[in-house]
C-alpha atoms as a PDB file:
ATOM      1  CA  VAL A   1      -4.048 -23.485  13.662  1.00  0.00           C
ATOM      2  CA  GLU A   2      -7.455 -22.123  12.751  1.00  0.00           C
ATOM      3  CA  ILE A   3      -7.507 -19.340  10.183  1.00  0.00           C
ATOM      4  CA  ARG A   4     -10.362 -16.985  10.976  1.00  0.00           C
ATOM      5  CA  THR A   5      -9.310 -13.816   9.150  1.00  0.00           C
ATOM      6  CA  ILE A   6      -7.461 -13.013   5.955  1.00  0.00           C
ATOM      7  CA  ALA A   7      -6.342  -9.431   5.371  1.00  0.00           C
ATOM      8  CA  TYR A   8      -6.008  -8.664   1.676  1.00  0.00           C
ATOM      9  CA  ALA A   9      -4.092  -5.510   0.799  1.00  0.00           C
ATOM     10  CA  TYR A  10      -5.923  -4.572  -2.362  1.00  0.00           C
ATOM     11  CA  ASP A  11      -6.001  -1.491  -4.557  1.00  0.00           C
ATOM     12  CA  LEU A  12      -9.733  -1.004  -5.081  1.00  0.00           C
ATOM     13  CA  PHE A  13      -9.051   1.361  -7.972  1.00  0.00           C
ATOM     14  CA  GLU A  14      -7.132  -1.254  -9.980  1.00  0.00           C
ATOM     15  CA  ARG A  15     -10.107  -3.668 -10.132  1.00  0.00           C
ATOM     16  CA  LEU A  16      -8.031  -6.837 -10.375  1.00  0.00           C
ATOM     17  CA  GLU A  17     -10.758  -9.451 -10.576  1.00  0.00           C
ATOM     18  CA  LEU A  18      -8.630 -12.602 -10.803  1.00  0.00           C
ATOM     19  CA  PRO A  19      -6.646 -12.120  -7.584  1.00  0.00           C
ATOM     20  CA  LEU A  20      -9.797 -10.971  -5.796  1.00  0.00           C
ATOM     21  CA  MET A  21     -11.602 -14.116  -6.954  1.00  0.00           C
ATOM     22  CA  GLN A  22      -8.656 -16.204  -5.733  1.00  0.00           C
ATOM     23  CA  VAL A  23      -8.530 -14.641  -2.282  1.00  0.00           C
ATOM     24  CA  VAL A  24     -12.321 -14.927  -1.957  1.00  0.00           C
ATOM     25  CA  GLY A  25     -11.974 -18.603  -2.883  1.00  0.00           C
ATOM     26  CA  LEU A  26      -9.263 -19.056  -0.260  1.00  0.00           C
ATOM     27  CA  ALA A  27     -11.402 -17.361   2.403  1.00  0.00           C
ATOM     28  CA  ARG A  28     -14.413 -19.491   1.411  1.00  0.00           C
ATOM     29  CA  ALA A  29     -12.381 -22.729   1.573  1.00  0.00           C
ATOM     30  CA  LEU A  30     -11.029 -21.815   5.004  1.00  0.00           C
ATOM     31  CA  HIS A  31     -14.368 -20.446   6.285  1.00  0.00           C
ATOM     32  CA  ALA A  32     -12.496 -17.236   7.087  1.00  0.00           C
ATOM     33  CA  ARG A  33     -13.593 -13.619   7.154  1.00  0.00           C
ATOM     34  CA  LEU A  34     -11.965 -11.525   4.419  1.00  0.00           C
ATOM     35  CA  LYS A  35     -10.761  -8.068   5.411  1.00  0.00           C
ATOM     36  CA  ILE A  36      -9.940  -5.991   2.349  1.00  0.00           C
ATOM     37  CA  LEU A  37      -7.404  -3.312   3.147  1.00  0.00           C
ATOM     38  CA  GLN A  38      -6.974  -0.146   1.091  1.00  0.00           C
ATOM     39  CA  VAL A  39      -4.037   2.140   1.918  1.00  0.00           C
ATOM     40  CA  VAL A  40      -4.623   5.708   0.731  1.00  0.00           C
ATOM     41  CA  GLN A  41      -2.314   8.678   0.862  1.00  0.00           C
ATOM     42  CA  GLU A  42      -3.028  11.855   2.769  1.00  0.00           C
ATOM     43  CA  PRO A  43      -4.739  14.172   2.140  1.00  0.00           C
ATOM     44  CA  TYR A  44      -7.782  11.985   1.848  1.00  0.00           C
ATOM     45  CA  GLU A  45     -10.037  13.715  -0.670  1.00  0.00           C
ATOM     46  CA  GLN A  46     -13.808  13.345  -0.702  1.00  0.00           C
ATOM     47  CA  ASP A  47     -13.912  12.032  -4.279  1.00  0.00           C
ATOM     48  CA  ILE A  48     -11.594   9.184  -3.250  1.00  0.00           C
ATOM     49  CA  GLY A  49     -14.008   8.316  -0.463  1.00  0.00           C
ATOM     50  CA  LEU A  50     -16.907   8.217  -2.922  1.00  0.00           C
ATOM     51  CA  LYS A  51     -14.946   5.978  -5.319  1.00  0.00           C
ATOM     52  CA  LEU A  52     -14.026   3.644  -2.464  1.00  0.00           C
ATOM     53  CA  GLU A  53     -17.677   3.347  -1.418  1.00  0.00           C
ATOM     54  CA  TYR A  54     -18.697   2.527  -4.995  1.00  0.00           C
ATOM     55  CA  GLU A  55     -16.025  -0.189  -5.283  1.00  0.00           C
ATOM     56  CA  LYS A  56     -17.011  -1.655  -1.907  1.00  0.00           C
ATOM     57  CA  LYS A  57     -20.654  -1.936  -3.011  1.00  0.00           C
ATOM     58  CA  THR A  58     -19.596  -3.545  -6.298  1.00  0.00           C
ATOM     59  CA  ILE A  59     -17.466  -6.153  -4.530  1.00  0.00           C
ATOM     60  CA  ARG A  60     -20.100  -6.860  -1.883  1.00  0.00           C
ATOM     61  CA  SER A  61     -22.771  -7.443  -4.523  1.00  0.00           C
ATOM     62  CA  ALA A  62     -20.463  -9.644  -6.617  1.00  0.00           C
ATOM     63  CA  TYR A  63     -19.516 -11.886  -3.700  1.00  0.00           C
ATOM     64  CA  ALA A  64     -22.645 -11.693  -1.547  1.00  0.00           C
ATOM     65  CA  GLY A  65     -23.139 -14.976   0.221  1.00  0.00           C
ATOM     66  CA  ASP A  66     -19.696 -16.341  -0.739  1.00  0.00           C
ATOM     67  CA  VAL A  67     -17.737 -15.024   2.204  1.00  0.00           C
ATOM     68  CA  ALA A  68     -17.970 -12.387   4.937  1.00  0.00           C
ATOM     69  CA  ILE A  69     -16.137  -9.296   3.710  1.00  0.00           C
ATOM     70  CA  ASP A  70     -15.072  -6.236   5.692  1.00  0.00           C
ATOM     71  CA  PHE A  71     -13.371  -3.168   4.227  1.00  0.00           C
ATOM     72  CA  ASN A  72     -10.705  -1.175   5.990  1.00  0.00           C
ATOM     73  CA  THR A  73      -9.021   2.027   4.860  1.00  0.00           C
ATOM     74  CA  VAL A  74      -5.687   3.136   6.276  1.00  0.00           C
ATOM     75  CA  LYS A  75      -4.386   6.635   5.614  1.00  0.00           C
ATOM     76  CA  ASN A  76      -0.631   6.499   5.165  1.00  0.00           C
ATOM     77  CA  ASP A  77       1.779   7.925   2.593  1.00  0.00           C
ATOM     78  CA  ASP A  78       3.868   4.737   2.794  1.00  0.00           C
ATOM     79  CA  ILE A  79       1.983   1.659   1.560  1.00  0.00           C
ATOM     80  CA  ALA A  80       4.217  -0.867   3.345  1.00  0.00           C
ATOM     81  CA  ASP A  81       4.010   1.049   6.617  1.00  0.00           C
ATOM     82  CA  GLY A  82       0.235   1.315   6.285  1.00  0.00           C
ATOM     83  CA  ILE A  83      -0.061  -2.441   5.773  1.00  0.00           C
ATOM     84  CA  GLN A  84       2.294  -3.226   8.648  1.00  0.00           C
ATOM     85  CA  THR A  85       0.443  -0.860  10.980  1.00  0.00           C
ATOM     86  CA  TYR A  86      -2.860  -2.485  10.053  1.00  0.00           C
ATOM     87  CA  VAL A  87      -1.467  -5.987  10.643  1.00  0.00           C
ATOM     88  CA  ALA A  88      -0.028  -4.938  14.021  1.00  0.00           C
ATOM     89  CA  HIS A  89      -3.378  -3.519  15.183  1.00  0.00           C
ATOM     90  CA  GLU A  90      -5.815  -6.010  13.631  1.00  0.00           C
ATOM     91  CA  SER A  91      -3.793  -9.260  13.915  1.00  0.00           C
ATOM     92  CA  PRO A  92      -5.154 -11.138  10.870  1.00  0.00           C
ATOM     93  CA  ASP A  93      -4.216 -14.813  10.603  1.00  0.00           C
ATOM     94  CA  ILE A  94      -2.913 -14.379   7.019  1.00  0.00           C
ATOM     95  CA  LEU A  95      -1.889 -11.356   4.959  1.00  0.00           C
ATOM     96  CA  ALA A  96      -2.529 -11.648   1.223  1.00  0.00           C
ATOM     97  CA  LEU A  97      -0.974  -9.382  -1.431  1.00  0.00           C
ATOM     98  CA  CYS A  98      -1.083  -9.243  -5.208  1.00  0.00           C
ATOM     99  CA  LEU A  99       1.943  -8.617  -7.425  1.00  0.00           C
ATOM    100  CA  ARG A 100       1.192  -7.313 -10.897  1.00  0.00           C
ATOM    101  CA  HIS A 101       3.446  -7.866 -13.841  1.00  0.00           C
ATOM    102  CA  ASN A 102       3.605  -4.412 -15.424  1.00  0.00           C
ATOM    103  CA  ASN A 103       6.911  -2.669 -14.802  1.00  0.00           C
ATOM    104  CA  VAL A 104       5.932   0.354 -12.696  1.00  0.00           C
ATOM    105  CA  TYR A 105       3.510  -1.464 -10.434  1.00  0.00           C
ATOM    106  CA  ARG A 106       5.874  -4.434 -10.086  1.00  0.00           C
ATOM    107  CA  LEU A 107       8.692  -2.184  -8.817  1.00  0.00           C
ATOM    108  CA  LEU A 108       6.366  -0.626  -6.244  1.00  0.00           C
ATOM    109  CA  ALA A 109       4.897  -3.982  -5.231  1.00  0.00           C
ATOM    110  CA  GLN A 110       8.331  -5.585  -4.872  1.00  0.00           C
ATOM    111  CA  SER A 111       9.441  -2.704  -2.663  1.00  0.00           C
ATOM    112  CA  VAL A 112       6.337  -3.128  -0.501  1.00  0.00           C
ATOM    113  CA  LEU A 113       6.796  -6.904  -0.427  1.00  0.00           C
ATOM    114  CA  LYS A 114      10.484  -6.569   0.506  1.00  0.00           C
ATOM    115  CA  THR A 115       9.617  -4.262   3.407  1.00  0.00           C
ATOM    116  CA  ILE A 116       6.804  -6.476   4.676  1.00  0.00           C
ATOM    117  CA  THR A 117       8.760  -9.727   4.422  1.00  0.00           C
ATOM    118  CA  ALA A 118      11.777  -8.248   6.229  1.00  0.00           C
ATOM    119  CA  ALA A 119      10.001  -8.794   9.555  1.00  0.00           C
ATOM    120  CA  PRO A 120       6.755 -10.693   8.905  1.00  0.00           C
ATOM    121  CA  LYS A 121       4.179 -10.606  11.676  1.00  0.00           C
ATOM    122  CA  VAL A 122       1.806 -13.106  10.063  1.00  0.00           C
ATOM    123  CA  PRO A 123       2.000 -15.709   7.264  1.00  0.00           C
ATOM    124  CA  LEU A 124       2.044 -14.068   3.838  1.00  0.00           C
ATOM    125  CA  PHE A 125       0.173 -15.303   0.755  1.00  0.00           C
ATOM    126  CA  VAL A 126       1.174 -13.653  -2.522  1.00  0.00           C
ATOM    127  CA  PHE A 127      -0.989 -13.760  -5.653  1.00  0.00           C
ATOM    128  CA  HIS A 128       0.631 -13.025  -8.999  1.00  0.00           C
ATOM    129  CA  HIS A 129      -1.314 -11.257 -11.729  1.00  0.00           C
END
């Protein structure tokens, strides 16, 4: 099975460099396109859009030449549903997620992970941070 695309559900506002470096390394090793997915809640405010654009430029400049990177934003109040909808429409070969180890984020991430793994549509790769 050839892996051409990796979708990485990533919170651009958290700026988690280590998991991003790991998923970029995975995409590079597999010669795959990396599709970074950001799920944002409605209403989608203009200042959020400006922050997203800034983070996209920062990531593109940091990893220019390493791997092809696309950015996708899904508007959905439910993170797990937003990720699942994206996967259903875009059909990536792998879905990558990051679990953080602080208490609040871990509870949210585990809930998202539980929902996504209940009926996986694609192989799942989980990074721990």
